[in-house]
Every structure is written in C-alpha cells, then in structure tokens.
Amino acid sequence: MPLRLVIENATFQELARGVAAAEAVFEASGISYEDAANGMLAVELWDMKGFPEDAEPSEEEDAAATVWFKAERAACDACCAGWPADKVVRAHRVLGIGPIEPKVKMVNLATWPDRQRRYPEIIERLETATGPDRQLDIDICYVMGWVNEPGTPEEAAELGLPYLTGNLAEVAEITQKSLQGWTIEIDQDPCDARILDPERDKASKDEDDRSVAAWRYFDGRRYMETPPANTAIALTLAAMRLQADSFLPQAW
C-alpha cells in the first residue's frame, strides 16, 4: 500500500514532495516502510504501557522505528519548506500507510468538510439546471477546491472561472486534461455525455468499469427522468459523477 501524508493546509504538490522525501529515507535505509511502521508501533505500544522491561521492542524493531521517525521528519520538512516557522507541522503521526487521499480533498483540507457536504447538492442542481448558471459554476469550482471560498456570479466573472454550465468547449478541455486517455462522448439531441474508462474493454466485471454518463447509462438505466439542459451541463455532470467515490464519507 502507498505512503500517505496528512498535513492540514498543505497543497497536493507539497504533500507529494513530503511523501517523496519519506520514500527516499526508506530507500536509503534498506528498510521497507511496512517494517518501519511495525517497528514504530512496537515502540509506541511499549511507551503506552509505561516501558515495562518484559515488553521492550527488539533491536530490529527499535532500528526500524528510528527509520520511520526519520522519514516522518523528512516528510514534514520537505512538505513545509518555505512555510512561516509558526505554521510548520511537528512530525508526529502525520505519515501513514494506506490508500492515497483523493486529490479533490487534498487541494484544501481546511474547506474539505464543507465541500464534501455540498457535493450531493451540486449533483442535484446540475440534474435540474435549466440552462447556464454562473452561481452554479462558481459553486462547482469551490466544491472541487479550485477557489478557496464560495462566491457570487460577479466574482466568477472577475476570477475568469470557466463556464461549466454554458461552454462545452471549455468543459471538454478541462475534462480531457484531467482525464488523459479517457474517451468523451457527447449527444446533442437529447443532450447527454459519457466519459469512458480507458480500461473498459478489459474490465472483468461491471463494477470494474469506471465509465459514467450524465443521463443514460450504457445498459439503458437512467440517472434521472429528463436529460440535461445543454451539452456543457451534461459533460460537467458526468465529470462530477466520476468524482463520487472521492466524496463518499465512508471512504475518507
């Protein structure tokens, strides 16, 4: 499983820099991060028990724990490089092993709970939108972490935010950049959009196929009664549906 670094207010790039620094420590030591984590847990458990002599970690566990703590310090130093001194995070329980946190979460941890809460509302508003809606545009940008706070249609114009509900070319360009290798299909009448998993033909089961649609799925099922109001809304809706696993509370 991959290494995971959780530091509030760090950008995705800063977190990636921190993980890379930790990985370098493990590689130089010759100790896997799984073994190092097990050593760290043995040392911390001994600490919690009050350092009993009959439960002291072995020399191997102690050495592995030392590597873990060194890697965690390296991760924090690399991630927080250039931060004000009072903002630098102390290396303690910020490094872990497990699934990588979704990028949409890590772009702004401070706003994540609110953005996660708003996701279902965004889907519903896209499903019922009757045409271009600049308020919905900026709300989507906020939920995705592209702007740091909710805003107004006027602010969407001032910031030059994309017309996610009104300009298919803009939405397609954003989607293609973020989903390289995926195929986009657009229907004009009625409006619909599909985003096809590049591994779709190799999927052994339906649940392995990550493809999504705005309105009608490939087997004829419909996500909603009526099609989207326009093709830009359709593709934005399909792209937002593809993000569903990232926003699930039980997953993160």
C-alpha atoms as a PDB file:
ATOM      1  CA  MET A   1       0.000   0.000   0.000  1.00  0.00           C
ATOM      2  CA  PRO A   2       1.190   3.557  -0.643  1.00  0.00           C
ATOM      3  CA  LEU A   3       2.510   6.066   1.864  1.00  0.00           C
ATOM      4  CA  ARG A   4       0.066   8.762   2.934  1.00  0.00           C
ATOM      5  CA  LEU A   5       0.907  12.187   4.383  1.00  0.00           C
ATOM      6  CA  VAL A   6      -1.804  14.277   6.056  1.00  0.00           C
ATOM      7  CA  ILE A   7      -0.877  17.882   6.830  1.00  0.00           C
ATOM      8  CA  GLU A   8      -3.615  20.484   7.062  1.00  0.00           C
ATOM      9  CA  ASN A   9      -3.461  23.359   4.558  1.00  0.00           C
ATOM     10  CA  ALA A  10      -0.716  21.687   2.519  1.00  0.00           C
ATOM     11  CA  THR A  11      -1.207  21.641  -1.244  1.00  0.00           C
ATOM     12  CA  PHE A  12      -1.228  18.436  -3.251  1.00  0.00           C
ATOM     13  CA  GLN A  13       2.231  19.312  -4.596  1.00  0.00           C
ATOM     14  CA  GLU A  14       3.626  19.938  -1.093  1.00  0.00           C
ATOM     15  CA  LEU A  15       2.245  16.624   0.152  1.00  0.00           C
ATOM     16  CA  ALA A  16       3.730  14.810  -2.833  1.00  0.00           C
ATOM     17  CA  ARG A  17       7.079  16.442  -2.046  1.00  0.00           C
ATOM     18  CA  GLY A  18       6.835  15.235   1.535  1.00  0.00           C
ATOM     19  CA  VAL A  19       5.977  11.667   0.542  1.00  0.00           C
ATOM     20  CA  ALA A  20       8.903  11.625  -1.890  1.00  0.00           C
ATOM     21  CA  ALA A  21      11.262  12.720   0.916  1.00  0.00           C
ATOM     22  CA  ALA A  22       9.993   9.937   3.191  1.00  0.00           C
ATOM     23  CA  GLU A  23      10.355   7.360   0.430  1.00  0.00           C
ATOM     24  CA  ALA A  24      13.971   8.467  -0.060  1.00  0.00           C
ATOM     25  CA  VAL A  25      14.708   7.792   3.627  1.00  0.00           C
ATOM     26  CA  PHE A  26      13.242   4.290   3.446  1.00  0.00           C
ATOM     27  CA  GLU A  27      15.137   3.513   0.254  1.00  0.00           C
ATOM     28  CA  ALA A  28      18.429   4.711   1.731  1.00  0.00           C
ATOM     29  CA  SER A  29      17.903   2.669   4.917  1.00  0.00           C
ATOM     30  CA  GLY A  30      17.059  -0.563   3.134  1.00  0.00           C
ATOM     31  CA  ILE A  31      14.046  -0.964   5.443  1.00  0.00           C
ATOM     32  CA  SER A  32      10.580  -1.137   3.918  1.00  0.00           C
ATOM     33  CA  TYR A  33       8.027   1.318   5.224  1.00  0.00           C
ATOM     34  CA  GLU A  34       5.835  -1.598   6.303  1.00  0.00           C
ATOM     35  CA  ASP A  35       8.617  -2.928   8.554  1.00  0.00           C
ATOM     36  CA  ALA A  36       9.407   0.587   9.754  1.00  0.00           C
ATOM     37  CA  ALA A  37       5.755   1.170  10.628  1.00  0.00           C
ATOM     38  CA  ASN A  38       5.621  -2.096  12.555  1.00  0.00           C
ATOM     39  CA  GLY A  39       8.716  -1.046  14.499  1.00  0.00           C
ATOM     40  CA  MET A  40       7.189   2.348  15.236  1.00  0.00           C
ATOM     41  CA  LEU A  41       4.005   0.699  16.525  1.00  0.00           C
ATOM     42  CA  ALA A  42       6.025  -1.625  18.763  1.00  0.00           C
ATOM     43  CA  VAL A  43       7.905   1.333  20.273  1.00  0.00           C
ATOM     44  CA  GLU A  44       4.743   3.396  20.783  1.00  0.00           C
ATOM     45  CA  LEU A  45       2.922   0.458  22.357  1.00  0.00           C
ATOM     46  CA  TRP A  46       5.829  -0.028  24.769  1.00  0.00           C
ATOM     47  CA  ASP A  47       5.613   3.677  25.600  1.00  0.00           C
ATOM     48  CA  MET A  48       1.848   3.448  26.243  1.00  0.00           C
ATOM     49  CA  LYS A  49       2.401   0.530  28.623  1.00  0.00           C
ATOM     50  CA  GLY A  50       4.922   2.527  30.672  1.00  0.00           C
ATOM     51  CA  PHE A  51       8.122   0.950  29.313  1.00  0.00           C
ATOM     52  CA  PRO A  52       7.857  -2.479  31.014  1.00  0.00           C
ATOM     53  CA  GLU A  53      11.120  -4.434  30.820  1.00  0.00           C
ATOM     54  CA  ASP A  54       9.402  -7.597  29.642  1.00  0.00           C
ATOM     55  CA  ALA A  55       7.814  -5.844  26.626  1.00  0.00           C
ATOM     56  CA  GLU A  56      10.788  -3.884  25.324  1.00  0.00           C
ATOM     57  CA  PRO A  57      10.968  -3.838  21.495  1.00  0.00           C
ATOM     58  CA  SER A  58      13.681  -5.882  19.851  1.00  0.00           C
ATOM     59  CA  GLU A  59      16.775  -4.213  18.425  1.00  0.00           C
ATOM     60  CA  GLU A  60      15.356  -4.758  14.933  1.00  0.00           C
ATOM     61  CA  GLU A  61      12.054  -3.097  15.861  1.00  0.00           C
ATOM     62  CA  ASP A  62      13.853  -0.198  17.513  1.00  0.00           C
ATOM     63  CA  ALA A  63      16.039   0.339  14.444  1.00  0.00           C
ATOM     64  CA  ALA A  64      13.020   0.159  12.156  1.00  0.00           C
ATOM     65  CA  ALA A  65      11.147   2.669  14.321  1.00  0.00           C
ATOM     66  CA  THR A  66      14.091   5.057  14.119  1.00  0.00           C
ATOM     67  CA  VAL A  67      13.870   4.941  10.335  1.00  0.00           C
ATOM     68  CA  TRP A  68      10.139   5.633  10.485  1.00  0.00           C
ATOM     69  CA  PHE A  69      10.598   8.677  12.708  1.00  0.00           C
ATOM     70  CA  LYS A  70      13.413   9.946  10.482  1.00  0.00           C
ATOM     71  CA  ALA A  71      11.218   9.526   7.396  1.00  0.00           C
ATOM     72  CA  GLU A  72       8.345  11.346   9.071  1.00  0.00           C
ATOM     73  CA  ARG A  73      10.617  14.284   9.957  1.00  0.00           C
ATOM     74  CA  ALA A  74      11.930  14.366   6.395  1.00  0.00           C
ATOM     75  CA  ALA A  75       8.365  14.348   5.043  1.00  0.00           C
ATOM     76  CA  CYS A  76       7.340  17.272   7.255  1.00  0.00           C
ATOM     77  CA  ASP A  77      10.483  19.265   6.451  1.00  0.00           C
ATOM     78  CA  ALA A  78      10.002  18.793   2.712  1.00  0.00           C
ATOM     79  CA  CYS A  79       6.275  19.443   2.753  1.00  0.00           C
ATOM     80  CA  CYS A  80       6.523  22.568   4.913  1.00  0.00           C
ATOM     81  CA  ALA A  81       9.635  24.019   3.250  1.00  0.00           C
ATOM     82  CA  GLY A  82       9.224  27.773   2.923  1.00  0.00           C
ATOM     83  CA  TRP A  83       6.337  27.968   5.401  1.00  0.00           C
ATOM     84  CA  PRO A  84       6.355  30.515   8.249  1.00  0.00           C
ATOM     85  CA  ALA A  85       8.001  28.984  11.320  1.00  0.00           C
ATOM     86  CA  ASP A  86       4.773  29.027  13.332  1.00  0.00           C
ATOM     87  CA  LYS A  87       2.974  27.049  10.603  1.00  0.00           C
ATOM     88  CA  VAL A  88       5.481  24.229  10.222  1.00  0.00           C
ATOM     89  CA  VAL A  89       3.960  20.937  11.367  1.00  0.00           C
ATOM     90  CA  ARG A  90       5.674  18.838  14.004  1.00  0.00           C
ATOM     91  CA  ALA A  91       6.485  15.318  12.796  1.00  0.00           C
ATOM     92  CA  HIS A  92       4.092  13.164  14.807  1.00  0.00           C
ATOM     93  CA  ARG A  93       1.512  10.817  13.337  1.00  0.00           C
ATOM     94  CA  VAL A  94       1.217  12.657  10.043  1.00  0.00           C
ATOM     95  CA  LEU A  95       2.752   9.856   7.969  1.00  0.00           C
ATOM     96  CA  GLY A  96       0.827   6.666   7.395  1.00  0.00           C
ATOM     97  CA  ILE A  97       0.246   3.726   5.106  1.00  0.00           C
ATOM     98  CA  GLY A  98      -2.964   3.319   3.193  1.00  0.00           C
ATOM     99  CA  PRO A  99      -4.990   4.483   0.229  1.00  0.00           C
ATOM    100  CA  ILE A 100      -3.938   7.822  -1.185  1.00  0.00           C
ATOM    101  CA  GLU A 101      -6.319  10.578  -0.226  1.00  0.00           C
ATOM    102  CA  PRO A 102      -8.288  11.934  -3.190  1.00  0.00           C
ATOM    103  CA  LYS A 103      -6.746  14.960  -4.877  1.00  0.00           C
ATOM    104  CA  VAL A 104     -10.015  16.891  -4.542  1.00  0.00           C
ATOM    105  CA  LYS A 105      -9.692  16.585  -0.768  1.00  0.00           C
ATOM    106  CA  MET A 106      -6.021  17.419  -0.512  1.00  0.00           C
ATOM    107  CA  VAL A 107      -6.150  20.670  -2.508  1.00  0.00           C
ATOM    108  CA  ASN A 108      -7.683  22.343   0.549  1.00  0.00           C
ATOM    109  CA  LEU A 109      -8.074  20.317   3.742  1.00  0.00           C
ATOM    110  CA  ALA A 110      -9.496  23.287   5.646  1.00  0.00           C
ATOM    111  CA  THR A 111     -12.587  23.506   3.419  1.00  0.00           C
ATOM    112  CA  TRP A 112     -12.927  19.768   2.769  1.00  0.00           C
ATOM    113  CA  PRO A 113     -15.746  19.023   5.274  1.00  0.00           C
ATOM    114  CA  ASP A 114     -17.912  21.776   3.782  1.00  0.00           C
ATOM    115  CA  ARG A 115     -17.050  20.868   0.206  1.00  0.00           C
ATOM    116  CA  GLN A 116     -17.757  17.192   0.869  1.00  0.00           C
ATOM    117  CA  ARG A 117     -21.129  18.108   2.387  1.00  0.00           C
ATOM    118  CA  ARG A 118     -22.070  20.207  -0.653  1.00  0.00           C
ATOM    119  CA  TYR A 119     -21.266  17.585  -3.273  1.00  0.00           C
ATOM    120  CA  PRO A 120     -24.719  15.901  -3.389  1.00  0.00           C
ATOM    121  CA  GLU A 121     -26.337  19.334  -3.712  1.00  0.00           C
ATOM    122  CA  ILE A 122     -24.134  20.127  -6.725  1.00  0.00           C
ATOM    123  CA  ILE A 123     -25.208  16.908  -8.447  1.00  0.00           C
ATOM    124  CA  GLU A 124     -28.880  17.682  -7.815  1.00  0.00           C
ATOM    125  CA  ARG A 125     -28.523  21.246  -9.101  1.00  0.00           C
ATOM    126  CA  LEU A 126     -26.805  20.042 -12.278  1.00  0.00           C
ATOM    127  CA  GLU A 127     -29.562  17.497 -12.822  1.00  0.00           C
ATOM    128  CA  THR A 128     -32.267  20.152 -12.532  1.00  0.00           C
ATOM    129  CA  ALA A 129     -30.461  23.148 -14.113  1.00  0.00           C
ATOM    130  CA  THR A 130     -32.444  24.744 -16.941  1.00  0.00           C
ATOM    131  CA  GLY A 131     -29.504  26.497 -18.592  1.00  0.00           C
ATOM    132  CA  PRO A 132     -26.213  28.318 -17.952  1.00  0.00           C
ATOM    133  CA  ASP A 133     -25.874  29.334 -14.299  1.00  0.00           C
ATOM    134  CA  ARG A 134     -22.856  31.337 -13.108  1.00  0.00           C
ATOM    135  CA  GLN A 135     -23.721  30.775  -9.459  1.00  0.00           C
ATOM    136  CA  LEU A 136     -23.617  27.050 -10.072  1.00  0.00           C
ATOM    137  CA  ASP A 137     -20.331  27.476 -11.954  1.00  0.00           C
ATOM    138  CA  ILE A 138     -18.554  29.094  -9.009  1.00  0.00           C
ATOM    139  CA  ASP A 139     -20.144  26.676  -6.537  1.00  0.00           C
ATOM    140  CA  ILE A 140     -18.725  23.760  -8.536  1.00  0.00           C
ATOM    141  CA  CYS A 141     -15.316  25.437  -8.581  1.00  0.00           C
ATOM    142  CA  TYR A 142     -15.492  25.781  -4.788  1.00  0.00           C
ATOM    143  CA  VAL A 143     -16.539  22.158  -4.216  1.00  0.00           C
ATOM    144  CA  MET A 144     -13.671  20.990  -6.433  1.00  0.00           C
ATOM    145  CA  GLY A 145     -11.222  23.176  -4.490  1.00  0.00           C
ATOM    146  CA  TRP A 146     -10.399  25.467  -7.418  1.00  0.00           C
ATOM    147  CA  VAL A 147     -11.344  28.531  -5.352  1.00  0.00           C
ATOM    148  CA  ASN A 148     -10.907  28.866  -1.601  1.00  0.00           C
ATOM    149  CA  GLU A 149     -14.376  30.047  -0.654  1.00  0.00           C
ATOM    150  CA  PRO A 150     -17.930  30.234  -2.001  1.00  0.00           C
ATOM    151  CA  GLY A 151     -18.596  33.257  -4.195  1.00  0.00           C
ATOM    152  CA  THR A 152     -21.059  35.128  -6.352  1.00  0.00           C
ATOM    153  CA  PRO A 153     -21.679  35.208 -10.129  1.00  0.00           C
ATOM    154  CA  GLU A 154     -19.889  38.546 -10.217  1.00  0.00           C
ATOM    155  CA  GLU A 155     -16.829  37.020  -8.573  1.00  0.00           C
ATOM    156  CA  ALA A 156     -16.934  34.151 -11.073  1.00  0.00           C
ATOM    157  CA  ALA A 157     -16.580  36.745 -13.829  1.00  0.00           C
ATOM    158  CA  GLU A 158     -13.840  38.655 -12.012  1.00  0.00           C
ATOM    159  CA  LEU A 159     -11.828  35.476 -11.436  1.00  0.00           C
ATOM    160  CA  GLY A 160     -12.314  34.301 -15.013  1.00  0.00           C
ATOM    161  CA  LEU A 161     -13.752  30.976 -13.895  1.00  0.00           C
ATOM    162  CA  PRO A 162     -14.825  28.507 -16.588  1.00  0.00           C
ATOM    163  CA  TYR A 163     -18.410  28.438 -17.879  1.00  0.00           C
ATOM    164  CA  LEU A 164     -19.078  24.919 -16.652  1.00  0.00           C
ATOM    165  CA  THR A 165     -22.788  25.108 -17.383  1.00  0.00           C
ATOM    166  CA  GLY A 166     -22.633  27.038 -20.632  1.00  0.00           C
ATOM    167  CA  ASN A 167     -19.493  26.359 -22.681  1.00  0.00           C
ATOM    168  CA  LEU A 168     -18.972  22.790 -23.881  1.00  0.00           C
ATOM    169  CA  ALA A 169     -15.552  23.545 -25.385  1.00  0.00           C
ATOM    170  CA  GLU A 170     -14.240  24.810 -22.028  1.00  0.00           C
ATOM    171  CA  VAL A 171     -15.655  21.848 -20.126  1.00  0.00           C
ATOM    172  CA  ALA A 172     -14.251  19.382 -22.663  1.00  0.00           C
ATOM    173  CA  GLU A 173     -10.781  20.949 -22.457  1.00  0.00           C
ATOM    174  CA  ILE A 174     -10.746  20.729 -18.645  1.00  0.00           C
ATOM    175  CA  THR A 175     -12.033  17.142 -18.715  1.00  0.00           C
ATOM    176  CA  GLN A 176      -9.527  15.972 -21.313  1.00  0.00           C
ATOM    177  CA  LYS A 177      -6.607  17.489 -19.382  1.00  0.00           C
ATOM    178  CA  SER A 178      -7.623  15.859 -16.100  1.00  0.00           C
ATOM    179  CA  LEU A 179      -8.639  12.501 -17.627  1.00  0.00           C
ATOM    180  CA  GLN A 180      -5.980  11.811 -20.228  1.00  0.00           C
ATOM    181  CA  GLY A 181      -6.665   8.572 -22.040  1.00  0.00           C
ATOM    182  CA  TRP A 182     -10.381   8.605 -21.274  1.00  0.00           C
ATOM    183  CA  THR A 183     -12.921   8.958 -24.098  1.00  0.00           C
ATOM    184  CA  ILE A 184     -15.608  11.640 -24.083  1.00  0.00           C
ATOM    185  CA  GLU A 185     -18.867  11.099 -25.983  1.00  0.00           C
ATOM    186  CA  ILE A 186     -21.455  13.860 -26.440  1.00  0.00           C
ATOM    187  CA  ASP A 187     -25.060  13.540 -27.624  1.00  0.00           C
ATOM    188  CA  GLN A 188     -26.816  16.660 -28.893  1.00  0.00           C
ATOM    189  CA  ASP A 189     -30.486  15.633 -29.032  1.00  0.00           C
ATOM    190  CA  PRO A 190     -31.316  14.738 -26.387  1.00  0.00           C
ATOM    191  CA  CYS A 191     -28.313  16.154 -24.532  1.00  0.00           C
ATOM    192  CA  ASP A 192     -26.128  13.606 -22.806  1.00  0.00           C
ATOM    193  CA  ALA A 193     -22.451  12.920 -22.113  1.00  0.00           C
ATOM    194  CA  ARG A 194     -20.439   9.821 -21.354  1.00  0.00           C
ATOM    195  CA  ILE A 195     -16.878   9.508 -20.054  1.00  0.00           C
ATOM    196  CA  LEU A 196     -15.407   6.100 -20.909  1.00  0.00           C
ATOM    197  CA  ASP A 197     -12.828   4.279 -18.798  1.00  0.00           C
ATOM    198  CA  PRO A 198      -9.728   3.534 -20.924  1.00  0.00           C
ATOM    199  CA  GLU A 199      -9.698   0.045 -19.346  1.00  0.00           C
ATOM    200  CA  ARG A 200     -13.395  -0.547 -20.052  1.00  0.00           C
ATOM    201  CA  ASP A 201     -12.870  -3.320 -22.578  1.00  0.00           C
ATOM    202  CA  LYS A 202     -10.571  -5.151 -20.151  1.00  0.00           C
ATOM    203  CA  ALA A 203     -12.917  -4.917 -17.140  1.00  0.00           C
ATOM    204  CA  SER A 204     -13.920  -8.395 -15.999  1.00  0.00           C
ATOM    205  CA  LYS A 205     -16.987  -7.157 -14.111  1.00  0.00           C
ATOM    206  CA  ASP A 206     -19.332  -4.193 -14.415  1.00  0.00           C
ATOM    207  CA  GLU A 207     -18.073  -2.812 -11.097  1.00  0.00           C
ATOM    208  CA  ASP A 208     -14.535  -2.644 -12.547  1.00  0.00           C
ATOM    209  CA  ASP A 209     -15.739  -0.265 -15.273  1.00  0.00           C
ATOM    210  CA  ARG A 210     -15.440   3.323 -14.031  1.00  0.00           C
ATOM    211  CA  SER A 211     -17.259   4.819 -17.033  1.00  0.00           C
ATOM    212  CA  VAL A 212     -20.059   7.271 -16.260  1.00  0.00           C
ATOM    213  CA  ALA A 213     -22.888   9.051 -18.041  1.00  0.00           C
ATOM    214  CA  ALA A 214     -24.797  12.229 -17.300  1.00  0.00           C
ATOM    215  CA  TRP A 215     -28.258  10.874 -18.119  1.00  0.00           C
ATOM    216  CA  ARG A 216     -28.487   7.390 -19.645  1.00  0.00           C
ATOM    217  CA  TYR A 217     -26.062   4.640 -18.741  1.00  0.00           C
ATOM    218  CA  PHE A 218     -24.921   2.112 -21.337  1.00  0.00           C
ATOM    219  CA  ASP A 219     -27.392  -0.576 -20.307  1.00  0.00           C
ATOM    220  CA  GLY A 220     -30.340   1.804 -20.631  1.00  0.00           C
ATOM    221  CA  ARG A 221     -30.604   2.812 -16.982  1.00  0.00           C
ATOM    222  CA  ARG A 222     -31.294   6.483 -16.356  1.00  0.00           C
ATOM    223  CA  TYR A 223     -29.806   8.562 -13.574  1.00  0.00           C
ATOM    224  CA  MET A 224     -32.717  10.996 -13.824  1.00  0.00           C
ATOM    225  CA  GLU A 225     -36.014  11.401 -15.660  1.00  0.00           C
ATOM    226  CA  THR A 226     -35.102  14.149 -18.135  1.00  0.00           C
ATOM    227  CA  PRO A 227     -31.839  14.824 -19.996  1.00  0.00           C
ATOM    228  CA  PRO A 228     -29.531  17.719 -19.074  1.00  0.00           C
ATOM    229  CA  ALA A 229     -30.450  21.169 -20.345  1.00  0.00           C
ATOM    230  CA  ASN A 230     -27.376  21.513 -22.583  1.00  0.00           C
ATOM    231  CA  THR A 231     -24.212  19.656 -23.522  1.00  0.00           C
ATOM    232  CA  ALA A 232     -21.950  21.677 -21.209  1.00  0.00           C
ATOM    233  CA  ILE A 233     -24.129  20.751 -18.233  1.00  0.00           C
ATOM    234  CA  ALA A 234     -24.182  17.144 -19.446  1.00  0.00           C
ATOM    235  CA  LEU A 235     -20.395  16.815 -19.534  1.00  0.00           C
ATOM    236  CA  THR A 236     -19.927  18.678 -16.248  1.00  0.00           C
ATOM    237  CA  LEU A 237     -22.491  16.391 -14.637  1.00  0.00           C
ATOM    238  CA  ALA A 238     -20.769  13.272 -15.972  1.00  0.00           C
ATOM    239  CA  ALA A 239     -17.405  14.531 -14.731  1.00  0.00           C
ATOM    240  CA  MET A 240     -18.845  15.283 -11.292  1.00  0.00           C
ATOM    241  CA  ARG A 241     -20.454  11.835 -11.119  1.00  0.00           C
ATOM    242  CA  LEU A 242     -16.999  10.382 -11.766  1.00  0.00           C
ATOM    243  CA  GLN A 243     -15.811  12.125  -8.574  1.00  0.00           C
ATOM    244  CA  ALA A 244     -18.429  10.384  -6.414  1.00  0.00           C
ATOM    245  CA  ASP A 245     -16.037   7.898  -4.754  1.00  0.00           C
ATOM    246  CA  SER A 246     -13.763  10.750  -3.667  1.00  0.00           C
ATOM    247  CA  PHE A 247     -16.597  12.465  -1.839  1.00  0.00           C
ATOM    248  CA  LEU A 248     -18.053   9.416  -0.078  1.00  0.00           C
ATOM    249  CA  PRO A 249     -17.854   9.963   3.721  1.00  0.00           C
ATOM    250  CA  GLN A 250     -17.398   6.277   4.447  1.00  0.00           C
ATOM    251  CA  ALA A 251     -14.378   6.088   2.120  1.00  0.00           C
ATOM    252  CA  TRP A 252     -12.449   9.005   3.669  1.00  0.00           C
END
